[in-house]
Amino acid sequence: MTLESLYGGKNPQDFYIGKVTQVYRSNCTAQIDNFSLMADRSKFNNSFLPNTINYYVVIDSVVGIFLGEVFENKASRKNVFEMSSETRNDYQEILIDTIALMAPDRDKFDLAGFKTLGITDKVYLATDEIYKLFLSSLEFASVDEEPLPPFATFLNRSEADVTLKPSTLFNRHLMCIVATNSGKSTTALAILDKVVSTGRKALIIDPTGEYRNAFSDDEITKLTLGVDTTVSPGKISMEQWEKLFETENSSQGAVLSEAITSLRYMRKIGSTSYYQKIGEDIEEVQENIASVGKDDTEFNIELLPEQIQAESICEPDRDNNYNFKYRYDTLKANQNASLIQKIQYQMTNTRFLSFFSDDPEMYNLLEVIDEFVHLPEASLYIDTSQLGASEGIGGMVIDLVSTFVMSRDNIMPFVFFIDEVHRYAKSRYSDKEYHGGLTLLAREGRKKGIFLYLTTQNPKDVSPILFGQVGTMLIHRLMLNDEIRAVESHLDDYAIKHVRKLNQGEVILTSVNLLHNMFIHVNKSPRTQHNDTPTL
């Protein structure tokens, strides 16, 4: 594309500013020649304020047309009142960050790569039409898909809407990072609104219930764990039980496993009680436990505290008849006490026991998810707030769902939204520090069409493995140095300096799928959201 065609029939000389006088690897310096344009206030608008910075210019070069952003503006004298356009020694300089290049045979902007502009190349003011062409060139995605409806506007071009393709946002996973009360929920719902309203699939896990009325029953299937939805205890793996009850070490995990196996045996033989082992023959007990097969998965979770207490046993010396019988072990009982207390605390939530049941009158969580992943244009909302705020129960549910959807074949692509993922990314007690199902999904989910959309208040609380799989980020205002350091590899120097200055709703959108970082303001969705902060 030529310079004349880029301006759409307008005379480029009407937008001429000056010439390049110094060239660096990533930016250049230009001296202003056309003082009349730079001083004509009738041309000043949101797009062009020549006495400031952050407006866009184009540079006509032998290798193509460069697009640049002015990041520094300086005069030849510190006392600007002494400056005059009639004085030959007075001059004004602008420093330009080169962002993109349009080659002569191209009609869109691309990364400049190793190409640079040259001395005496002419600099022109970029019109709004050129800027909109740049916006349409921002996305690397070459797939032919309909973009999402606008969910935000550009901060430096308030009239320009942000319309991005779903693959640009989600194909390398999306994470929203924000401090408290900086607009996390607003941003999350603004994008979810566009995903669901355009008929794309979404699986939403909400730990607080703030999105429970955001979508109608016609748009999305809603489940509330422990109220209308259950899961069979036999479907939960031993590793997930350990996450649920937040075992502190491997010995507690072993005791938990032994107790569950014992309860599985009792269910197998039709008993409604727990397995009392004190005084029982050791060989007989071991044979009974060994008879539990892979299909004997069900058990009564209500008996788990009593069964763990019953596992506080040891092998004594032989008696006069050379028989082995278990006896009570006080030391083991003391070691198991903390695990029993944690399980009993979990069970104080009445929804907990109703969730881990086989109630035929309620939805089965895994059956509903299995149906969801194979249906086109179907979305699913899961409210986990009734199970309590414990990190263990949330982490177990996330791990269960993540592992289950990864085991399905021929699924329809969908967005997997997890609010406040920092609750589930780490365990306070487990030797295995991070929940594996979510990490596996982050690594391998894209191959199956599962795209993560995560929100967190602190990126440091997220597993580095999980964090490293995220290619697109929505970064709200951050204040702590540690938080900023966690995201600085995704930002340029300009963005890092401004991350503390963002107002509520203002976001830096950075992505491996974008030509340049975006500074945007998210439009609040009209959908209902239960996240208002009470006033004193």
Protein backbone atom coordinates (compact mmCIF):
# COMPACT_ATOMS: atom_id res chain seq x y z
CA MET A 1 0.00 0.00 0.00
CA THR A 2 1.27 3.47 -0.87
CA LEU A 3 1.18 6.53 1.36
CA GLU A 4 -1.45 8.20 -0.85
CA SER A 5 -3.81 5.21 -0.75
CA LEU A 6 -3.30 4.94 3.02
CA TYR A 7 -4.76 8.46 3.41
CA GLY A 8 -7.75 7.57 1.23
CA GLY A 9 -7.53 10.36 -1.33
CA LYS A 10 -6.48 13.08 1.12
CA ASN A 11 -3.26 14.96 0.50
CA PRO A 12 -0.58 13.48 2.81
CA GLN A 13 1.21 16.85 2.85
CA ASP A 14 -1.64 18.27 4.87
CA PHE A 15 -0.56 15.87 7.65
CA TYR A 16 3.22 16.33 7.26
CA ILE A 17 5.02 16.92 10.59
CA GLY A 18 8.78 16.67 10.03
CA LYS A 19 11.74 14.38 9.31
CA VAL A 20 13.63 11.68 11.16
CA THR A 21 16.97 12.91 12.51
CA GLN A 22 18.09 10.00 14.68
CA VAL A 23 17.42 6.26 14.40
CA TYR A 24 17.65 3.61 17.13
CA ARG A 25 16.75 -0.08 17.12
CA SER A 26 13.24 0.33 18.48
CA ASN A 27 12.56 4.07 18.19
CA CYS A 28 13.65 7.25 16.45
CA THR A 29 13.82 11.04 16.88
CA ALA A 30 12.06 13.39 14.47
CA GLN A 31 12.39 17.16 14.19
CA ILE A 32 9.26 19.20 13.63
CA ASP A 33 9.17 21.19 10.39
CA ASN A 34 5.46 21.98 10.14
CA PHE A 35 4.92 24.25 13.15
CA SER A 36 1.63 25.50 11.74
CA LEU A 37 0.07 22.01 11.98
CA MET A 38 1.46 21.43 15.45
CA ALA A 39 0.14 24.79 16.68
CA ASP A 40 -3.29 24.74 15.01
CA ARG A 41 -5.63 24.13 17.95
CA SER A 42 -8.62 23.72 15.67
CA LYS A 43 -7.17 20.32 14.80
CA PHE A 44 -6.71 19.27 18.45
CA ASN A 45 -8.91 16.34 19.53
CA ASN A 46 -8.69 13.15 21.56
CA SER A 47 -6.61 11.59 18.80
CA PHE A 48 -4.17 14.47 18.28
CA LEU A 49 -2.74 16.64 21.04
CA PRO A 50 0.67 17.65 19.61
CA ASN A 51 1.83 19.39 22.78
CA THR A 52 1.56 16.06 24.63
CA ILE A 53 2.45 12.44 23.81
CA ASN A 54 0.70 9.12 23.03
CA TYR A 55 -0.59 10.13 19.60
CA TYR A 56 0.21 8.13 16.49
CA VAL A 57 2.27 9.00 13.41
CA VAL A 58 3.30 7.22 10.19
CA ILE A 59 6.78 7.32 8.68
CA ASP A 60 7.29 6.87 4.94
CA SER A 61 10.34 4.64 4.49
CA VAL A 62 12.00 2.75 1.62
CA VAL A 63 10.99 -0.57 3.22
CA GLY A 64 7.36 0.46 3.75
CA ILE A 65 5.19 2.59 5.99
CA PHE A 66 5.98 2.48 9.70
CA LEU A 67 3.41 3.22 12.38
CA GLY A 68 4.78 4.86 15.52
CA GLU A 69 3.59 6.28 18.82
CA VAL A 70 5.02 9.51 20.22
CA PHE A 71 6.36 8.87 23.71
CA GLU A 72 8.47 12.00 24.29
CA ASN A 73 8.04 15.61 23.21
CA LYS A 74 10.67 18.26 23.86
CA ALA A 75 11.62 21.80 22.84
CA SER A 76 15.07 23.24 22.20
CA ARG A 77 14.78 25.65 25.12
CA LYS A 78 13.67 25.08 28.67
CA ASN A 79 11.98 28.49 28.56
CA VAL A 80 9.28 27.87 25.95
CA PHE A 81 8.21 31.53 26.04
CA GLU A 82 11.42 32.40 24.19
CA MET A 83 10.67 29.97 21.37
CA SER A 84 9.51 31.24 18.02
CA SER A 85 8.91 29.50 14.73
CA GLU A 86 10.69 32.43 13.07
CA THR A 87 13.95 31.78 14.95
CA ARG A 88 16.06 29.35 12.97
CA ASN A 89 17.84 27.94 16.03
CA ASP A 90 14.60 26.98 17.74
CA TYR A 91 13.20 23.52 17.14
CA GLN A 92 10.88 20.91 18.57
CA GLU A 93 11.61 17.17 18.67
CA ILE A 94 9.45 14.13 19.19
CA LEU A 95 10.62 10.62 20.07
CA ILE A 96 8.69 7.89 18.31
CA ASP A 97 8.33 4.25 19.33
CA THR A 98 8.06 2.20 16.13
CA ILE A 99 5.23 -0.28 16.55
CA ALA A 100 4.46 -1.86 13.20
CA LEU A 101 5.30 -1.86 9.49
CA MET A 102 3.15 -2.05 6.39
CA ALA A 103 5.17 -3.46 3.48
CA PRO A 104 4.50 -2.11 -0.03
CA ASP A 105 2.74 -5.34 -1.04
CA ARG A 106 0.60 -5.55 2.12
CA ASP A 107 -2.67 -3.88 3.12
CA LYS A 108 -2.27 -4.36 6.89
CA PHE A 109 0.34 -3.70 9.55
CA ASP A 110 2.73 -6.40 10.75
CA LEU A 111 5.59 -6.56 13.24
CA ALA A 112 8.59 -4.66 11.94
CA GLY A 113 11.06 -7.38 12.91
CA PHE A 114 14.62 -6.29 12.10
CA LYS A 115 13.56 -3.61 9.62
CA THR A 116 14.22 0.00 10.66
CA LEU A 117 13.46 3.38 9.17
CA GLY A 118 16.12 5.83 7.99
CA ILE A 119 17.44 9.37 8.40
CA THR A 120 15.35 12.05 6.60
CA ASP A 121 12.31 9.76 6.33
CA LYS A 122 9.20 11.91 6.46
CA VAL A 123 6.80 11.79 9.42
CA TYR A 124 3.05 12.33 9.05
CA LEU A 125 0.18 12.55 11.50
CA ALA A 126 -1.86 9.32 11.57
CA THR A 127 -5.55 9.87 10.95
CA ASP A 128 -8.31 8.01 12.78
CA GLU A 129 -8.80 5.85 9.67
CA ILE A 130 -5.16 4.77 9.79
CA TYR A 131 -5.49 4.03 13.49
CA LYS A 132 -8.56 1.87 12.86
CA LEU A 133 -6.60 0.02 10.17
CA PHE A 134 -3.91 -0.57 12.79
CA LEU A 135 -6.55 -1.92 15.20
CA SER A 136 -7.77 -4.34 12.55
CA SER A 137 -4.17 -5.49 12.10
CA LEU A 138 -3.54 -6.13 15.79
CA GLU A 139 -4.69 -9.73 15.77
CA PHE A 140 -2.37 -12.44 14.49
CA ALA A 141 -5.18 -14.99 14.22
CA SER A 142 -5.65 -15.93 10.58
CA VAL A 143 -8.71 -18.12 11.16
CA ASP A 144 -11.90 -16.94 9.54
CA GLU A 145 -14.26 -16.45 12.49
CA GLU A 146 -16.77 -13.86 13.57
CA PRO A 147 -15.33 -11.48 16.22
CA LEU A 148 -17.03 -11.06 19.56
CA PRO A 149 -19.24 -7.98 19.98
CA PRO A 150 -17.41 -4.94 21.48
CA PHE A 151 -16.77 -5.34 25.20
CA ALA A 152 -14.48 -2.31 25.75
CA THR A 153 -13.19 0.94 24.23
CA PHE A 154 -9.63 2.13 23.73
CA LEU A 155 -8.43 4.62 26.33
CA ASN A 156 -6.64 6.85 23.84
CA ARG A 157 -9.41 6.60 21.22
CA SER A 158 -12.69 6.70 23.12
CA GLU A 159 -14.74 6.30 19.95
CA ALA A 160 -12.95 3.08 18.92
CA ASP A 161 -14.54 -0.16 20.11
CA VAL A 162 -12.53 -3.24 21.01
CA THR A 163 -13.70 -6.15 18.85
CA LEU A 164 -11.53 -9.25 19.00
CA LYS A 165 -11.87 -12.76 17.66
CA PRO A 166 -12.48 -15.48 20.26
CA SER A 167 -9.26 -17.24 19.22
CA THR A 168 -7.27 -14.07 19.96
CA LEU A 169 -8.52 -14.02 23.54
CA PHE A 170 -8.75 -17.70 24.37
CA ASN A 171 -6.58 -19.94 22.20
CA ARG A 172 -3.60 -19.51 24.55
CA HIS A 173 -5.81 -19.24 27.66
CA LEU A 174 -6.91 -15.95 29.26
CA MET A 175 -6.27 -14.66 32.77
CA CYS A 176 -7.67 -11.53 34.44
CA ILE A 177 -5.34 -10.18 37.15
CA VAL A 178 -6.69 -7.50 39.45
CA ALA A 179 -6.50 -6.20 43.00
CA THR A 180 -9.66 -6.07 45.10
CA ASN A 181 -12.34 -3.61 43.90
CA SER A 182 -10.53 -2.74 40.65
CA GLY A 183 -13.11 -4.21 38.27
CA LYS A 184 -12.35 -7.94 38.11
CA SER A 185 -15.95 -9.09 38.19
CA THR A 186 -17.03 -6.40 35.74
CA THR A 187 -14.36 -7.45 33.26
CA ALA A 188 -15.11 -11.14 33.71
CA LEU A 189 -18.84 -10.70 33.12
CA ALA A 190 -18.34 -8.32 30.17
CA ILE A 191 -16.48 -11.02 28.24
CA LEU A 192 -18.66 -13.91 29.43
CA ASP A 193 -21.69 -11.92 28.28
CA LYS A 194 -20.33 -11.79 24.73
CA VAL A 195 -19.36 -15.46 24.74
CA VAL A 196 -22.77 -16.72 25.91
CA SER A 197 -24.90 -14.21 23.98
CA THR A 198 -23.24 -15.22 20.68
CA GLY A 199 -24.05 -18.89 21.23
CA ARG A 200 -20.55 -20.04 22.14
CA LYS A 201 -20.10 -22.66 24.85
CA ALA A 202 -18.97 -21.77 28.37
CA LEU A 203 -18.51 -23.78 31.57
CA ILE A 204 -18.63 -21.38 34.53
CA ILE A 205 -17.53 -22.33 38.05
CA ASP A 206 -18.52 -19.66 40.58
CA PRO A 207 -17.25 -20.02 44.19
CA THR A 208 -19.20 -17.01 45.51
CA GLY A 209 -22.48 -17.14 43.61
CA GLU A 210 -22.17 -13.58 42.31
CA TYR A 211 -23.02 -14.64 38.73
CA ARG A 212 -26.02 -16.77 39.69
CA ASN A 213 -28.56 -14.35 38.17
CA ALA A 214 -26.38 -13.01 35.35
CA PHE A 215 -27.77 -15.44 32.77
CA SER A 216 -31.28 -16.65 32.11
CA ASP A 217 -32.33 -20.29 32.33
CA ASP A 218 -32.85 -20.29 28.57
CA GLU A 219 -29.22 -19.25 27.97
CA ILE A 220 -27.48 -21.55 30.41
CA THR A 221 -28.07 -24.64 32.56
CA LYS A 222 -27.57 -23.81 36.24
CA LEU A 223 -26.44 -26.21 38.93
CA THR A 224 -25.90 -25.59 42.66
CA LEU A 225 -23.68 -28.19 44.26
CA GLY A 226 -25.23 -29.72 47.38
CA VAL A 227 -28.66 -28.24 46.60
CA ASP A 228 -29.76 -29.80 43.33
CA THR A 229 -26.58 -31.59 42.23
CA THR A 230 -24.61 -34.51 43.67
CA VAL A 231 -21.59 -36.61 42.87
CA SER A 232 -21.07 -40.23 43.88
CA PRO A 233 -18.22 -40.72 46.38
CA GLY A 234 -17.03 -43.63 44.24
CA LYS A 235 -16.22 -41.23 41.39
CA ILE A 236 -13.68 -39.32 43.46
CA SER A 237 -10.07 -40.46 43.20
CA MET A 238 -7.89 -40.91 46.27
CA GLU A 239 -5.75 -37.96 45.24
CA GLN A 240 -8.88 -35.79 45.08
CA TRP A 241 -9.97 -36.95 48.54
CA GLU A 242 -6.58 -35.86 49.85
CA LYS A 243 -7.11 -32.41 48.27
CA LEU A 244 -10.61 -32.20 49.68
CA PHE A 245 -9.54 -32.90 53.25
CA GLU A 246 -6.16 -31.15 52.82
CA THR A 247 -4.00 -33.92 54.25
CA GLU A 248 -0.84 -32.50 55.76
CA ASN A 249 1.59 -35.28 54.86
CA SER A 250 1.86 -38.68 53.20
CA SER A 251 1.03 -40.57 56.42
CA GLN A 252 -2.36 -38.84 56.69
CA GLY A 253 -2.98 -39.63 53.04
CA ALA A 254 -2.23 -43.32 53.71
CA VAL A 255 -4.60 -43.44 56.69
CA LEU A 256 -7.34 -41.77 54.63
CA SER A 257 -6.84 -44.33 51.88
CA GLU A 258 -7.03 -47.26 54.33
CA ALA A 259 -10.21 -45.89 55.89
CA ILE A 260 -11.95 -45.44 52.54
CA THR A 261 -10.95 -48.95 51.45
CA SER A 262 -12.38 -50.34 54.68
CA LEU A 263 -15.67 -48.52 54.11
CA ARG A 264 -15.78 -49.83 50.54
CA TYR A 265 -15.51 -53.36 51.94
CA MET A 266 -18.36 -52.69 54.37
CA ARG A 267 -20.57 -51.44 51.53
CA LYS A 268 -19.60 -54.51 49.50
CA ILE A 269 -20.87 -56.90 52.18
CA GLY A 270 -24.00 -54.81 52.73
CA SER A 271 -23.12 -53.46 56.16
CA THR A 272 -24.24 -49.98 57.22
CA SER A 273 -21.58 -49.67 59.93
CA TYR A 274 -17.85 -48.94 59.86
CA TYR A 275 -15.18 -51.66 60.08
CA GLN A 276 -14.17 -52.20 63.70
CA LYS A 277 -10.70 -53.81 63.58
CA ILE A 278 -9.63 -53.82 67.26
CA GLY A 279 -9.51 -57.41 68.51
CA GLU A 280 -10.01 -58.84 65.00
CA ASP A 281 -7.71 -61.44 63.47
CA ILE A 282 -5.07 -59.70 61.38
CA GLU A 283 -4.96 -62.23 58.55
CA GLU A 284 -8.73 -62.26 58.24
CA VAL A 285 -8.91 -58.45 58.10
CA GLN A 286 -6.21 -58.31 55.47
CA GLU A 287 -7.98 -60.92 53.35
CA ASN A 288 -11.23 -58.98 53.61
CA ILE A 289 -9.56 -55.72 52.55
CA ALA A 290 -7.78 -57.48 49.67
CA SER A 291 -11.15 -58.69 48.37
CA VAL A 292 -12.19 -55.12 47.52
CA GLY A 293 -12.10 -54.92 43.72
CA LYS A 294 -11.86 -52.02 41.31
CA ASP A 295 -15.63 -52.07 40.84
CA ASP A 296 -16.31 -51.78 44.58
CA THR A 297 -16.03 -48.01 44.65
CA GLU A 298 -19.04 -46.84 46.66
CA PHE A 299 -18.97 -46.19 50.43
CA ASN A 300 -20.78 -44.22 53.14
CA ILE A 301 -18.84 -41.00 53.61
CA GLU A 302 -20.70 -40.17 56.85
CA LEU A 303 -18.78 -42.98 58.58
CA LEU A 304 -15.36 -41.69 57.56
CA PRO A 305 -14.39 -40.02 60.90
CA GLU A 306 -15.31 -43.19 62.85
CA GLN A 307 -13.44 -45.38 60.38
CA ILE A 308 -10.26 -43.29 60.62
CA GLN A 309 -10.48 -43.63 64.39
CA ALA A 310 -10.86 -47.40 63.90
CA GLU A 311 -7.66 -47.41 61.85
CA SER A 312 -5.68 -46.42 64.97
CA ILE A 313 -4.40 -49.95 65.44
CA CYS A 314 -1.14 -51.87 65.55
CA GLU A 315 0.02 -55.48 65.43
CA PRO A 316 0.87 -57.01 68.86
CA ASP A 317 3.07 -59.93 69.69
CA ARG A 318 1.63 -63.42 69.31
CA ASP A 319 -0.66 -64.72 72.02
CA ASN A 320 -0.45 -68.22 73.57
CA ASN A 321 -2.41 -69.66 70.65
CA TYR A 322 -0.07 -68.05 68.13
CA ASN A 323 -2.84 -65.79 66.76
CA PHE A 324 -2.47 -62.22 65.62
CA LYS A 325 -5.14 -59.73 66.73
CA TYR A 326 -5.14 -55.96 66.29
CA ARG A 327 -4.90 -53.75 69.36
CA TYR A 328 -5.56 -50.03 69.91
CA ASP A 329 -2.58 -47.72 69.23
CA THR A 330 -2.67 -44.45 71.20
CA LEU A 331 0.17 -42.90 69.19
CA LYS A 332 -1.63 -43.43 65.87
CA ALA A 333 -4.86 -42.12 67.39
CA ASN A 334 -3.13 -38.89 68.34
CA GLN A 335 -1.62 -38.58 64.85
CA ASN A 336 -5.01 -39.11 63.21
CA ALA A 337 -6.83 -36.62 65.47
CA SER A 338 -6.12 -33.57 63.28
CA LEU A 339 -7.35 -35.34 60.15
CA ILE A 340 -10.54 -36.40 61.92
CA GLN A 341 -11.14 -32.82 63.06
CA LYS A 342 -10.77 -31.48 59.50
CA ILE A 343 -13.19 -34.06 58.14
CA GLN A 344 -15.72 -33.36 60.90
CA TYR A 345 -15.40 -29.63 60.21
CA GLN A 346 -16.15 -30.19 56.53
CA MET A 347 -19.18 -32.27 57.46
CA THR A 348 -20.63 -29.52 59.64
CA ASN A 349 -21.79 -27.98 56.35
CA THR A 350 -25.09 -29.74 55.75
CA ARG A 351 -24.67 -29.34 51.98
CA PHE A 352 -21.46 -31.37 52.09
CA LEU A 353 -23.12 -34.70 52.80
CA SER A 354 -25.97 -34.04 50.38
CA PHE A 355 -23.40 -33.32 47.65
CA PHE A 356 -21.55 -36.63 48.14
CA SER A 357 -24.56 -38.90 47.76
CA ASP A 358 -26.52 -40.98 45.26
CA ASP A 359 -29.83 -39.11 45.54
CA PRO A 360 -31.78 -40.06 42.36
CA GLU A 361 -33.93 -36.93 42.70
CA MET A 362 -30.91 -34.67 42.09
CA TYR A 363 -28.65 -34.03 39.11
CA ASN A 364 -25.46 -36.06 38.84
CA LEU A 365 -22.60 -33.59 38.26
CA LEU A 366 -20.47 -35.79 36.00
CA GLU A 367 -23.44 -36.92 33.91
CA VAL A 368 -24.49 -33.31 33.30
CA ILE A 369 -20.92 -32.31 32.35
CA ASP A 370 -20.65 -35.33 30.01
CA GLU A 371 -23.84 -34.20 28.27
CA PHE A 372 -22.64 -30.58 28.18
CA VAL A 373 -19.30 -31.24 26.44
CA HIS A 374 -21.02 -33.03 23.56
CA LEU A 375 -23.85 -30.53 22.95
CA PRO A 376 -23.36 -27.57 20.58
CA GLU A 377 -24.14 -24.04 21.80
CA ALA A 378 -24.88 -25.23 25.36
CA SER A 379 -23.47 -23.49 28.42
CA LEU A 380 -23.28 -24.67 32.02
CA TYR A 381 -23.08 -22.70 35.29
CA ILE A 382 -21.93 -24.41 38.50
CA ASP A 383 -22.44 -22.60 41.83
CA THR A 384 -20.12 -24.01 44.52
CA SER A 385 -20.88 -21.36 47.16
CA GLN A 386 -23.23 -23.60 49.16
CA LEU A 387 -20.39 -26.02 49.95
CA GLY A 388 -18.56 -23.39 51.99
CA ALA A 389 -15.46 -21.29 51.43
CA SER A 390 -12.95 -24.05 52.15
CA GLU A 391 -10.10 -24.17 49.65
CA GLY A 392 -10.07 -27.97 49.83
CA ILE A 393 -13.62 -28.49 48.57
CA GLY A 394 -13.13 -25.93 45.80
CA GLY A 395 -9.82 -27.43 44.73
CA MET A 396 -11.33 -30.91 44.69
CA VAL A 397 -14.28 -29.81 42.51
CA ILE A 398 -11.97 -28.03 40.07
CA ASP A 399 -9.66 -31.04 39.91
CA LEU A 400 -12.60 -33.43 39.48
CA VAL A 401 -14.15 -31.41 36.65
CA SER A 402 -10.78 -30.76 34.95
CA THR A 403 -9.79 -34.43 35.01
CA PHE A 404 -13.23 -35.54 33.83
CA VAL A 405 -13.48 -33.21 30.82
CA MET A 406 -9.93 -34.14 29.78
CA SER A 407 -10.99 -37.80 29.71
CA ARG A 408 -13.85 -37.12 27.27
CA ASP A 409 -13.41 -37.53 23.51
CA ASN A 410 -14.99 -35.66 20.59
CA ILE A 411 -16.07 -32.72 22.74
CA MET A 412 -17.35 -29.41 21.44
CA PRO A 413 -14.89 -26.51 22.09
CA PHE A 414 -15.80 -24.36 25.08
CA VAL A 415 -14.49 -21.67 27.44
CA PHE A 416 -13.80 -22.94 30.97
CA PHE A 417 -14.25 -19.96 33.33
CA ILE A 418 -12.93 -20.30 36.90
CA ASP A 419 -13.38 -17.31 39.19
CA GLU A 420 -10.70 -16.57 41.81
CA VAL A 421 -8.44 -19.39 40.70
CA HIS A 422 -5.91 -18.54 43.43
CA ARG A 423 -8.24 -20.37 45.82
CA TYR A 424 -7.61 -23.62 43.97
CA ALA A 425 -4.07 -23.26 42.66
CA LYS A 426 -2.33 -23.99 45.94
CA SER A 427 -3.03 -26.08 49.01
CA ARG A 428 -1.98 -24.93 52.45
CA TYR A 429 -1.01 -28.40 53.64
CA SER A 430 -0.44 -30.83 50.81
CA ASP A 431 3.02 -32.12 49.97
CA LYS A 432 1.86 -31.84 46.36
CA GLU A 433 1.72 -28.10 46.29
CA TYR A 434 -0.38 -27.56 43.19
CA HIS A 435 -3.59 -29.13 41.97
CA GLY A 436 -2.63 -31.28 38.99
CA GLY A 437 -5.92 -31.44 37.06
CA LEU A 438 -6.01 -27.73 36.34
CA THR A 439 -2.35 -27.71 35.29
CA LEU A 440 -2.94 -30.67 32.98
CA LEU A 441 -5.90 -28.87 31.45
CA ALA A 442 -3.80 -25.73 30.92
CA ARG A 443 -1.11 -27.75 29.15
CA GLU A 444 -3.21 -30.14 27.09
CA GLY A 445 -6.71 -28.64 27.04
CA ARG A 446 -6.22 -26.55 23.91
CA LYS A 447 -5.71 -29.72 21.87
CA LYS A 448 -9.23 -30.77 22.80
CA GLY A 449 -10.79 -27.33 22.46
CA ILE A 450 -10.88 -26.44 26.16
CA PHE A 451 -9.83 -22.82 26.72
CA LEU A 452 -9.28 -21.47 30.22
CA TYR A 453 -10.55 -18.09 31.39
CA LEU A 454 -9.21 -17.47 34.89
CA THR A 455 -9.38 -14.59 37.35
CA THR A 456 -7.11 -14.00 40.32
CA GLN A 457 -6.32 -11.25 42.80
CA ASN A 458 -2.65 -12.14 43.08
CA PRO A 459 -0.59 -13.79 40.32
CA LYS A 460 1.94 -14.95 42.92
CA ASP A 461 -0.63 -17.33 44.35
CA VAL A 462 -0.97 -19.15 41.03
CA SER A 463 1.28 -22.06 40.13
CA PRO A 464 4.21 -20.92 37.93
CA ILE A 465 3.45 -23.91 35.68
CA LEU A 466 -0.15 -22.80 35.25
CA PHE A 467 0.83 -19.14 34.94
CA GLY A 468 3.37 -20.00 32.26
CA GLN A 469 0.67 -21.58 30.06
CA VAL A 470 -1.36 -18.35 29.90
CA GLY A 471 -0.70 -16.32 26.75
CA THR A 472 -3.30 -13.54 27.13
CA MET A 473 -3.76 -11.34 30.19
CA LEU A 474 -6.12 -8.61 31.30
CA ILE A 475 -4.15 -6.65 33.89
CA HIS A 476 -5.97 -4.20 36.11
CA ARG A 477 -4.34 -1.86 38.59
CA LEU A 478 -1.63 -3.52 40.68
CA MET A 479 0.18 -1.82 43.55
CA LEU A 480 2.60 -4.31 45.13
CA ASN A 481 6.05 -4.67 43.61
CA ASP A 482 5.90 -8.47 43.88
CA GLU A 483 2.67 -8.57 41.90
CA ILE A 484 4.06 -6.28 39.20
CA ARG A 485 7.24 -8.34 38.94
CA ALA A 486 5.10 -11.44 38.36
CA VAL A 487 3.59 -9.90 35.19
CA GLU A 488 6.42 -7.65 33.98
CA SER A 489 7.61 -10.21 31.43
CA HIS A 490 4.29 -9.67 29.62
CA LEU A 491 4.53 -5.85 29.58
CA ASP A 492 6.77 -3.24 28.01
CA ASP A 493 8.38 -0.41 29.99
CA TYR A 494 5.52 1.99 29.25
CA ALA A 495 2.87 -0.45 30.48
CA ILE A 496 4.84 -1.31 33.64
CA LYS A 497 5.02 2.37 34.58
CA HIS A 498 1.27 2.80 34.12
CA VAL A 499 -0.01 -0.37 35.82
CA ARG A 500 -0.26 1.55 39.12
CA LYS A 501 -2.17 4.42 37.47
CA LEU A 502 -5.10 2.49 36.04
CA ASN A 503 -8.54 3.58 37.20
CA GLN A 504 -11.37 1.20 37.99
CA GLY A 505 -12.39 -0.61 34.81
CA GLU A 506 -9.20 0.30 32.94
CA VAL A 507 -7.15 -2.65 31.74
CA ILE A 508 -3.92 -3.46 29.95
CA LEU A 509 -4.64 -6.24 27.45
CA THR A 510 -1.44 -8.09 26.53
CA SER A 511 -1.29 -11.20 24.41
CA VAL A 512 1.00 -13.31 22.27
CA ASN A 513 -1.79 -13.05 19.69
CA LEU A 514 -1.59 -9.24 19.48
CA LEU A 515 0.78 -6.96 17.62
CA HIS A 516 0.84 -4.47 20.49
CA ASN A 517 -0.47 -4.09 24.04
CA MET A 518 -3.91 -2.49 24.33
CA PHE A 519 -4.98 0.07 26.94
CA ILE A 520 -8.74 -0.32 27.18
CA HIS A 521 -11.74 0.56 29.35
CA VAL A 522 -14.15 -2.33 29.86
CA ASN A 523 -17.82 -1.56 29.32
CA LYS A 524 -19.97 -2.65 32.27
CA SER A 525 -22.41 -5.37 31.31
CA PRO A 526 -26.11 -4.71 32.01
CA ARG A 527 -26.46 -8.25 33.38
CA THR A 528 -27.19 -8.73 37.10
CA GLN A 529 -24.15 -9.15 39.29
CA HIS A 530 -24.06 -9.62 43.07
CA ASN A 531 -20.74 -7.93 43.82
CA ASP A 532 -21.64 -4.50 45.23
CA THR A 533 -19.42 -3.35 48.09
CA PRO A 534 -21.48 -2.17 51.10
CA THR A 535 -20.85 1.36 52.34
CA LEU A 536 -20.15 2.27 55.96
